[in-house]
PDB file of all heavy atoms in Angstrom:
ATOM      1  N   THR A   1      21.620  -0.990  51.902  1.00  0.00           N
ATOM      2  CA  THR A   1      21.044  -2.095  52.672  1.00  0.00           C
ATOM      3  C   THR A   1      20.957  -3.395  51.887  1.00  0.00           C
ATOM      4  O   THR A   1      20.501  -4.388  52.424  1.00  0.00           O
ATOM      5  CB  THR A   1      19.621  -1.726  53.140  1.00  0.00           C
ATOM      6  OG1 THR A   1      18.816  -1.468  51.998  1.00  0.00           O
ATOM      7  CG2 THR A   1      19.641  -0.523  54.064  1.00  0.00           C
ATOM      8  N   ASN A   2      21.394  -3.388  50.638  1.00  0.00           N
ATOM      9  CA  ASN A   2      21.212  -4.584  49.816  1.00  0.00           C
ATOM     10  C   ASN A   2      22.144  -5.708  50.243  1.00  0.00           C
ATOM     11  O   ASN A   2      23.262  -5.489  50.676  1.00  0.00           O
ATOM     12  CB  ASN A   2      21.423  -4.270  48.334  1.00  0.00           C
ATOM     13  CG  ASN A   2      22.860  -3.942  48.004  1.00  0.00           C
ATOM     14  OD1 ASN A   2      23.508  -3.186  48.709  1.00  0.00           O
ATOM     15  ND2 ASN A   2      23.355  -4.520  46.936  1.00  0.00           N
ATOM     16  N   ASN A   3      21.643  -6.907  50.087  1.00  0.00           N
ATOM     17  CA  ASN A   3      22.428  -8.116  50.323  1.00  0.00           C
ATOM     18  C   ASN A   3      22.439  -8.962  49.065  1.00  0.00           C
ATOM     19  O   ASN A   3      22.474 -10.176  49.137  1.00  0.00           O
ATOM     20  CB  ASN A   3      21.820  -8.921  51.478  1.00  0.00           C
ATOM     21  CG  ASN A   3      21.864  -8.171  52.778  1.00  0.00           C
ATOM     22  OD1 ASN A   3      22.876  -7.562  53.108  1.00  0.00           O
ATOM     23  ND2 ASN A   3      20.771  -8.195  53.519  1.00  0.00           N
ATOM     24  N   PHE A   4      22.390  -8.300  47.924  1.00  0.00           N
ATOM     25  CA  PHE A   4      22.231  -8.998  46.665  1.00  0.00           C
ATOM     26  C   PHE A   4      23.440  -8.772  45.772  1.00  0.00           C
ATOM     27  O   PHE A   4      24.092  -7.745  45.844  1.00  0.00           O
ATOM     28  CB  PHE A   4      20.985  -8.494  45.921  1.00  0.00           C
ATOM     29  CG  PHE A   4      19.768  -8.385  46.784  1.00  0.00           C
ATOM     30  CD1 PHE A   4      19.292  -7.151  47.174  1.00  0.00           C
ATOM     31  CD2 PHE A   4      19.107  -9.521  47.215  1.00  0.00           C
ATOM     32  CE1 PHE A   4      18.171  -7.037  47.976  1.00  0.00           C
ATOM     33  CE2 PHE A   4      17.985  -9.425  48.016  1.00  0.00           C
ATOM     34  CZ  PHE A   4      17.517  -8.178  48.396  1.00  0.00           C
ATOM     35  N   SER A   5      23.662  -9.729  44.899  1.00  0.00           N
ATOM     36  CA  SER A   5      24.672  -9.572  43.868  1.00  0.00           C
ATOM     37  C   SER A   5      23.975  -9.103  42.596  1.00  0.00           C
ATOM     38  O   SER A   5      23.004  -9.710  42.161  1.00  0.00           O
ATOM     39  CB  SER A   5      25.357 -10.920  43.619  1.00  0.00           C
ATOM     40  OG  SER A   5      26.206 -10.841  42.509  1.00  0.00           O
ATOM     41  N   GLY A   6      24.448  -7.985  42.045  1.00  0.00           N
ATOM     42  CA  GLY A   6      23.833  -7.478  40.838  1.00  0.00           C
ATOM     43  C   GLY A   6      24.198  -6.030  40.594  1.00  0.00           C
ATOM     44  O   GLY A   6      25.169  -5.520  41.148  1.00  0.00           O
ATOM     45  N   LEU A   7      23.412  -5.376  39.770  1.00  0.00           N
ATOM     46  CA  LEU A   7      23.629  -3.978  39.416  1.00  0.00           C
ATOM     47  C   LEU A   7      22.598  -3.094  40.085  1.00  0.00           C
ATOM     48  O   LEU A   7      21.466  -3.501  40.298  1.00  0.00           O
ATOM     49  CB  LEU A   7      23.476  -3.787  37.901  1.00  0.00           C
ATOM     50  CG  LEU A   7      24.429  -4.522  36.989  1.00  0.00           C
ATOM     51  CD1 LEU A   7      23.974  -4.382  35.540  1.00  0.00           C
ATOM     52  CD2 LEU A   7      25.822  -3.957  37.143  1.00  0.00           C
ATOM     53  N   ILE A   8      22.997  -1.863  40.353  1.00  0.00           N
ATOM     54  CA  ILE A   8      22.037  -0.859  40.789  1.00  0.00           C
ATOM     55  C   ILE A   8      21.632  -0.078  39.545  1.00  0.00           C
ATOM     56  O   ILE A   8      22.466   0.410  38.792  1.00  0.00           O
ATOM     57  CB  ILE A   8      22.647   0.068  41.848  1.00  0.00           C
ATOM     58  CG1 ILE A   8      22.859  -0.719  43.147  1.00  0.00           C
ATOM     59  CG2 ILE A   8      21.766   1.285  42.070  1.00  0.00           C
ATOM     60  CD1 ILE A   8      23.508   0.073  44.256  1.00  0.00           C
ATOM     61  N   VAL A   9      20.319   0.012  39.320  1.00  0.00           N
ATOM     62  CA  VAL A   9      19.777   0.723  38.170  1.00  0.00           C
ATOM     63  C   VAL A   9      19.124   2.011  38.685  1.00  0.00           C
ATOM     64  O   VAL A   9      18.027   1.973  39.248  1.00  0.00           O
ATOM     65  CB  VAL A   9      18.738  -0.137  37.415  1.00  0.00           C
ATOM     66  CG1 VAL A   9      18.191   0.601  36.208  1.00  0.00           C
ATOM     67  CG2 VAL A   9      19.346  -1.474  37.015  1.00  0.00           C
ATOM     68  N   PRO A  10      19.812   3.153  38.523  1.00  0.00           N
ATOM     69  CA  PRO A  10      19.254   4.407  39.034  1.00  0.00           C
ATOM     70  C   PRO A  10      18.098   4.900  38.179  1.00  0.00           C
ATOM     71  O   PRO A  10      18.023   4.611  36.988  1.00  0.00           O
ATOM     72  CB  PRO A  10      20.442   5.372  38.954  1.00  0.00           C
ATOM     73  CG  PRO A  10      21.309   4.820  37.892  1.00  0.00           C
ATOM     74  CD  PRO A  10      21.111   3.326  37.901  1.00  0.00           C
ATOM     75  N   ILE A  11      17.206   5.651  38.808  1.00  0.00           N
ATOM     76  CA  ILE A  11      16.037   6.203  38.131  1.00  0.00           C
ATOM     77  C   ILE A  11      16.129   7.724  38.208  1.00  0.00           C
ATOM     78  O   ILE A  11      16.220   8.291  39.298  1.00  0.00           O
ATOM     79  CB  ILE A  11      14.738   5.705  38.787  1.00  0.00           C
ATOM     80  CG1 ILE A  11      14.691   4.173  38.732  1.00  0.00           C
ATOM     81  CG2 ILE A  11      13.518   6.317  38.096  1.00  0.00           C
ATOM     82  CD1 ILE A  11      13.615   3.549  39.580  1.00  0.00           C
ATOM     83  N   LEU A  12      16.128   8.353  37.027  1.00  0.00           N
ATOM     84  CA  LEU A  12      16.263   9.806  36.937  1.00  0.00           C
ATOM     85  C   LEU A  12      14.919  10.482  36.704  1.00  0.00           C
ATOM     86  O   LEU A  12      14.064   9.950  36.000  1.00  0.00           O
ATOM     87  CB  LEU A  12      17.194  10.179  35.782  1.00  0.00           C
ATOM     88  CG  LEU A  12      18.639   9.714  35.879  1.00  0.00           C
ATOM     89  CD1 LEU A  12      19.362   9.944  34.568  1.00  0.00           C
ATOM     90  CD2 LEU A  12      19.342  10.428  37.008  1.00  0.00           C
ATOM     91  N   ASN A  13      14.780  11.681  37.257  1.00  0.00           N
ATOM     92  CA  ASN A  13      13.602  12.494  36.971  1.00  0.00           C
ATOM     93  C   ASN A  13      13.939  13.478  35.849  1.00  0.00           C
ATOM     94  O   ASN A  13      15.070  13.477  35.341  1.00  0.00           O
ATOM     95  CB  ASN A  13      13.108  13.185  38.247  1.00  0.00           C
ATOM     96  CG  ASN A  13      14.016  14.288  38.740  1.00  0.00           C
ATOM     97  OD1 ASN A  13      14.988  14.683  38.106  1.00  0.00           O
ATOM     98  ND2 ASN A  13      13.696  14.806  39.922  1.00  0.00           N
ATOM     99  N   PRO A  14      13.015  14.336  35.421  1.00  0.00           N
ATOM    100  CA  PRO A  14      13.288  15.255  34.302  1.00  0.00           C
ATOM    101  C   PRO A  14      14.434  16.237  34.555  1.00  0.00           C
ATOM    102  O   PRO A  14      15.050  16.726  33.611  1.00  0.00           O
ATOM    103  CB  PRO A  14      11.965  16.010  34.120  1.00  0.00           C
ATOM    104  CG  PRO A  14      10.927  15.115  34.682  1.00  0.00           C
ATOM    105  CD  PRO A  14      11.599  14.386  35.805  1.00  0.00           C
ATOM    106  N   GLU A  15      14.727  16.502  35.818  1.00  0.00           N
ATOM    107  CA  GLU A  15      15.817  17.418  36.150  1.00  0.00           C
ATOM    108  C   GLU A  15      17.160  16.695  36.229  1.00  0.00           C
ATOM    109  O   GLU A  15      18.177  17.304  36.549  1.00  0.00           O
ATOM    110  CB  GLU A  15      15.524  18.130  37.481  1.00  0.00           C
ATOM    111  CG  GLU A  15      14.408  19.159  37.384  1.00  0.00           C
ATOM    112  CD  GLU A  15      13.012  18.538  37.280  1.00  0.00           C
ATOM    113  OE1 GLU A  15      12.753  17.507  37.932  1.00  0.00           O
ATOM    114  OE2 GLU A  15      12.192  19.081  36.516  1.00  0.00           O
ATOM    115  N   GLY A  16      17.180  15.395  35.959  1.00  0.00           N
ATOM    116  CA  GLY A  16      18.410  14.613  36.001  1.00  0.00           C
ATOM    117  C   GLY A  16      18.814  14.203  37.407  1.00  0.00           C
ATOM    118  O   GLY A  16      19.945  13.784  37.625  1.00  0.00           O
ATOM    119  N   LEU A  17      17.893  14.284  38.363  1.00  0.00           N
ATOM    120  CA  LEU A  17      18.177  13.895  39.742  1.00  0.00           C
ATOM    121  C   LEU A  17      17.757  12.448  39.962  1.00  0.00           C
ATOM    122  O   LEU A  17      16.760  11.984  39.413  1.00  0.00           O
ATOM    123  CB  LEU A  17      17.427  14.805  40.715  1.00  0.00           C
ATOM    124  CG  LEU A  17      17.731  16.290  40.633  1.00  0.00           C
ATOM    125  CD1 LEU A  17      16.809  17.078  41.555  1.00  0.00           C
ATOM    126  CD2 LEU A  17      19.190  16.555  40.968  1.00  0.00           C
ATOM    127  N   TYR A  18      18.512  11.748  40.793  1.00  0.00           N
ATOM    128  CA  TYR A  18      18.174  10.369  41.130  1.00  0.00           C
ATOM    129  C   TYR A  18      17.027  10.374  42.137  1.00  0.00           C
ATOM    130  O   TYR A  18      17.129  10.995  43.191  1.00  0.00           O
ATOM    131  CB  TYR A  18      19.382   9.630  41.705  1.00  0.00           C
ATOM    132  CG  TYR A  18      20.512   9.504  40.718  1.00  0.00           C
ATOM    133  CD1 TYR A  18      21.680  10.246  40.859  1.00  0.00           C
ATOM    134  CD2 TYR A  18      20.399   8.659  39.628  1.00  0.00           C
ATOM    135  CE1 TYR A  18      22.706  10.143  39.942  1.00  0.00           C
ATOM    136  CE2 TYR A  18      21.420   8.548  38.697  1.00  0.00           C
ATOM    137  CZ  TYR A  18      22.570   9.293  38.865  1.00  0.00           C
ATOM    138  OH  TYR A  18      23.579   9.190  37.953  1.00  0.00           O
ATOM    139  N   VAL A  19      15.945   9.687  41.809  1.00  0.00           N
ATOM    140  CA  VAL A  19      14.791   9.643  42.689  1.00  0.00           C
ATOM    141  C   VAL A  19      14.548   8.250  43.254  1.00  0.00           C
ATOM    142  O   VAL A  19      13.617   8.047  44.031  1.00  0.00           O
ATOM    143  CB  VAL A  19      13.523  10.152  41.979  1.00  0.00           C
ATOM    144  CG1 VAL A  19      13.642  11.636  41.679  1.00  0.00           C
ATOM    145  CG2 VAL A  19      13.231   9.362  40.713  1.00  0.00           C
ATOM    146  N   GLY A  20      15.372   7.313  42.889  1.00  0.00           N
ATOM    147  CA  GLY A  20      15.260   5.954  43.387  1.00  0.00           C
ATOM    148  C   GLY A  20      16.108   5.024  42.556  1.00  0.00           C
ATOM    149  O   GLY A  20      16.833   5.459  41.662  1.00  0.00           O
ATOM    150  N   TRP A  21      16.034   3.753  42.895  1.00  0.00           N
ATOM    151  CA  TRP A  21      16.745   2.754  42.098  1.00  0.00           C
ATOM    152  C   TRP A  21      16.159   1.380  42.332  1.00  0.00           C
ATOM    153  O   TRP A  21      15.412   1.148  43.274  1.00  0.00           O
ATOM    154  CB  TRP A  21      18.238   2.743  42.366  1.00  0.00           C
ATOM    155  CG  TRP A  21      18.675   2.289  43.723  1.00  0.00           C
ATOM    156  CD1 TRP A  21      18.775   1.000  44.179  1.00  0.00           C
ATOM    157  CD2 TRP A  21      19.098   3.100  44.804  1.00  0.00           C
ATOM    158  NE1 TRP A  21      19.234   0.972  45.461  1.00  0.00           N
ATOM    159  CE2 TRP A  21      19.449   2.260  45.871  1.00  0.00           C
ATOM    160  CE3 TRP A  21      19.233   4.469  44.983  1.00  0.00           C
ATOM    161  CZ2 TRP A  21      19.903   2.734  47.089  1.00  0.00           C
ATOM    162  CZ3 TRP A  21      19.690   4.938  46.201  1.00  0.00           C
ATOM    163  CH2 TRP A  21      20.019   4.080  47.230  1.00  0.00           C
ATOM    164  N   GLN A  22      16.513   0.508  41.416  1.00  0.00           N
ATOM    165  CA  GLN A  22      16.180  -0.902  41.528  1.00  0.00           C
ATOM    166  C   GLN A  22      17.475  -1.700  41.471  1.00  0.00           C
ATOM    167  O   GLN A  22      18.485  -1.230  40.941  1.00  0.00           O
ATOM    168  CB  GLN A  22      15.272  -1.346  40.384  1.00  0.00           C
ATOM    169  CG  GLN A  22      13.875  -0.774  40.461  1.00  0.00           C
ATOM    170  CD  GLN A  22      13.011  -1.336  39.354  1.00  0.00           C
ATOM    171  OE1 GLN A  22      13.220  -1.037  38.196  1.00  0.00           O
ATOM    172  NE2 GLN A  22      12.024  -2.150  39.727  1.00  0.00           N
ATOM    173  N   TYR A  23      17.420  -2.890  42.039  1.00  0.00           N
ATOM    174  CA  TYR A  23      18.538  -3.829  41.932  1.00  0.00           C
ATOM    175  C   TYR A  23      18.237  -4.784  40.790  1.00  0.00           C
ATOM    176  O   TYR A  23      17.155  -5.369  40.734  1.00  0.00           O
ATOM    177  CB  TYR A  23      18.695  -4.654  43.219  1.00  0.00           C
ATOM    178  CG  TYR A  23      18.927  -3.840  44.452  1.00  0.00           C
ATOM    179  CD1 TYR A  23      17.938  -3.683  45.408  1.00  0.00           C
ATOM    180  CD2 TYR A  23      20.160  -3.228  44.676  1.00  0.00           C
ATOM    181  CE1 TYR A  23      18.150  -2.948  46.547  1.00  0.00           C
ATOM    182  CE2 TYR A  23      20.386  -2.480  45.813  1.00  0.00           C
ATOM    183  CZ  TYR A  23      19.377  -2.342  46.755  1.00  0.00           C
ATOM    184  OH  TYR A  23      19.592  -1.606  47.879  1.00  0.00           O
ATOM    185  N   ARG A  24      19.180  -4.925  39.881  1.00  0.00           N
ATOM    186  CA  ARG A  24      19.080  -5.926  38.809  1.00  0.00           C
ATOM    187  C   ARG A  24      19.880  -7.119  39.302  1.00  0.00           C
ATOM    188  O   ARG A  24      21.118  -7.076  39.355  1.00  0.00           O
ATOM    189  CB  ARG A  24      19.628  -5.360  37.507  1.00  0.00           C
ATOM    190  CG  ARG A  24      19.838  -6.342  36.346  1.00  0.00           C
ATOM    191  CD  ARG A  24      18.608  -7.168  36.022  1.00  0.00           C
ATOM    192  NE  ARG A  24      18.694  -7.826  34.751  1.00  0.00           N
ATOM    193  CZ  ARG A  24      19.015  -9.121  34.592  1.00  0.00           C
ATOM    194  NH1 ARG A  24      19.306  -9.868  35.632  1.00  0.00           N
ATOM    195  NH2 ARG A  24      19.022  -9.647  33.397  1.00  0.00           N
ATOM    196  N   LEU A  25      19.187  -8.154  39.743  1.00  0.00           N
ATOM    197  CA  LEU A  25      19.827  -9.283  40.394  1.00  0.00           C
ATOM    198  C   LEU A  25      20.564 -10.172  39.399  1.00  0.00           C
ATOM    199  O   LEU A  25      20.086 -10.412  38.290  1.00  0.00           O
ATOM    200  CB  LEU A  25      18.795 -10.105  41.158  1.00  0.00           C
ATOM    201  CG  LEU A  25      17.970  -9.327  42.188  1.00  0.00           C
ATOM    202  CD1 LEU A  25      16.916 -10.233  42.811  1.00  0.00           C
ATOM    203  CD2 LEU A  25      18.860  -8.729  43.251  1.00  0.00           C
ATOM    204  N   ASP A  26      21.737 -10.659  39.825  1.00  0.00           N
ATOM    205  CA  ASP A  26      22.527 -11.551  38.982  1.00  0.00           C
ATOM    206  C   ASP A  26      21.887 -12.933  38.839  1.00  0.00           C
ATOM    207  O   ASP A  26      21.863 -13.504  37.763  1.00  0.00           O
ATOM    208  CB  ASP A  26      23.935 -11.744  39.569  1.00  0.00           C
ATOM    209  CG  ASP A  26      24.836 -10.570  39.315  1.00  0.00           C
ATOM    210  OD1 ASP A  26      24.556  -9.782  38.392  1.00  0.00           O
ATOM    211  OD2 ASP A  26      25.833 -10.437  40.054  1.00  0.00           O
ATOM    212  N   HIS A  27      21.409 -13.467  39.943  1.00  0.00           N
ATOM    213  CA  HIS A  27      20.951 -14.854  39.946  1.00  0.00           C
ATOM    214  C   HIS A  27      19.522 -14.939  40.464  1.00  0.00           C
ATOM    215  O   HIS A  27      19.289 -15.251  41.623  1.00  0.00           O
ATOM    216  CB  HIS A  27      21.862 -15.726  40.804  1.00  0.00           C
ATOM    217  CG  HIS A  27      23.300 -15.618  40.426  1.00  0.00           C
ATOM    218  ND1 HIS A  27      23.799 -16.161  39.266  1.00  0.00           N
ATOM    219  CD2 HIS A  27      24.342 -14.993  41.007  1.00  0.00           C
ATOM    220  CE1 HIS A  27      25.086 -15.895  39.169  1.00  0.00           C
ATOM    221  NE2 HIS A  27      25.443 -15.172  40.218  1.00  0.00           N
ATOM    222  N   ALA A  28      18.573 -14.646  39.601  1.00  0.00           N
ATOM    223  CA  ALA A  28      17.167 -14.736  39.980  1.00  0.00           C
ATOM    224  C   ALA A  28      16.364 -15.068  38.735  1.00  0.00           C
ATOM    225  O   ALA A  28      16.063 -14.199  37.935  1.00  0.00           O
ATOM    226  CB  ALA A  28      16.703 -13.409  40.578  1.00  0.00           C
ATOM    227  N   PRO A  29      16.009 -16.341  38.559  1.00  0.00           N
ATOM    228  CA  PRO A  29      15.333 -16.747  37.327  1.00  0.00           C
ATOM    229  C   PRO A  29      13.952 -16.116  37.149  1.00  0.00           C
ATOM    230  O   PRO A  29      13.522 -15.888  36.029  1.00  0.00           O
ATOM    231  CB  PRO A  29      15.226 -18.261  37.464  1.00  0.00           C
ATOM    232  CG  PRO A  29      15.416 -18.555  38.904  1.00  0.00           C
ATOM    233  CD  PRO A  29      16.224 -17.442  39.476  1.00  0.00           C
ATOM    234  N   LYS A  30      13.224 -15.813  38.220  1.00  0.00           N
ATOM    235  CA  LYS A  30      11.865 -15.282  38.077  1.00  0.00           C
ATOM    236  C   LYS A  30      11.804 -13.784  38.353  1.00  0.00           C
ATOM    237  O   LYS A  30      11.374 -13.024  37.517  1.00  0.00           O
ATOM    238  CB  LYS A  30      10.913 -16.038  38.988  1.00  0.00           C
ATOM    239  CG  LYS A  30      10.783 -17.494  38.582  1.00  0.00           C
ATOM    240  CD  LYS A  30       9.590 -18.136  39.195  1.00  0.00           C
ATOM    241  CE  LYS A  30       9.620 -19.606  38.850  1.00  0.00           C
ATOM    242  NZ  LYS A  30       8.471 -20.103  38.262  1.00  0.00           N
ATOM    243  N   LEU A  31      12.221 -13.356  39.508  1.00  0.00           N
ATOM    244  CA  LEU A  31      12.177 -11.945  39.883  1.00  0.00           C
ATOM    245  C   LEU A  31      13.568 -11.352  39.689  1.00  0.00           C
ATOM    246  O   LEU A  31      14.463 -11.602  40.478  1.00  0.00           O
ATOM    247  CB  LEU A  31      11.729 -11.791  41.340  1.00  0.00           C
ATOM    248  CG  LEU A  31      11.587 -10.374  41.853  1.00  0.00           C
ATOM    249  CD1 LEU A  31      10.492  -9.635  41.110  1.00  0.00           C
ATOM    250  CD2 LEU A  31      11.289 -10.390  43.340  1.00  0.00           C
TER     251      LEU A  31
END
């Protein structure tokens, strides 16, 4: 659903499963 330019940063749990992610935005000076 993202409309952003940047990287997806996956978040792993102890079992090595992806439980979520954040977007690392290319062009965002504050957030």
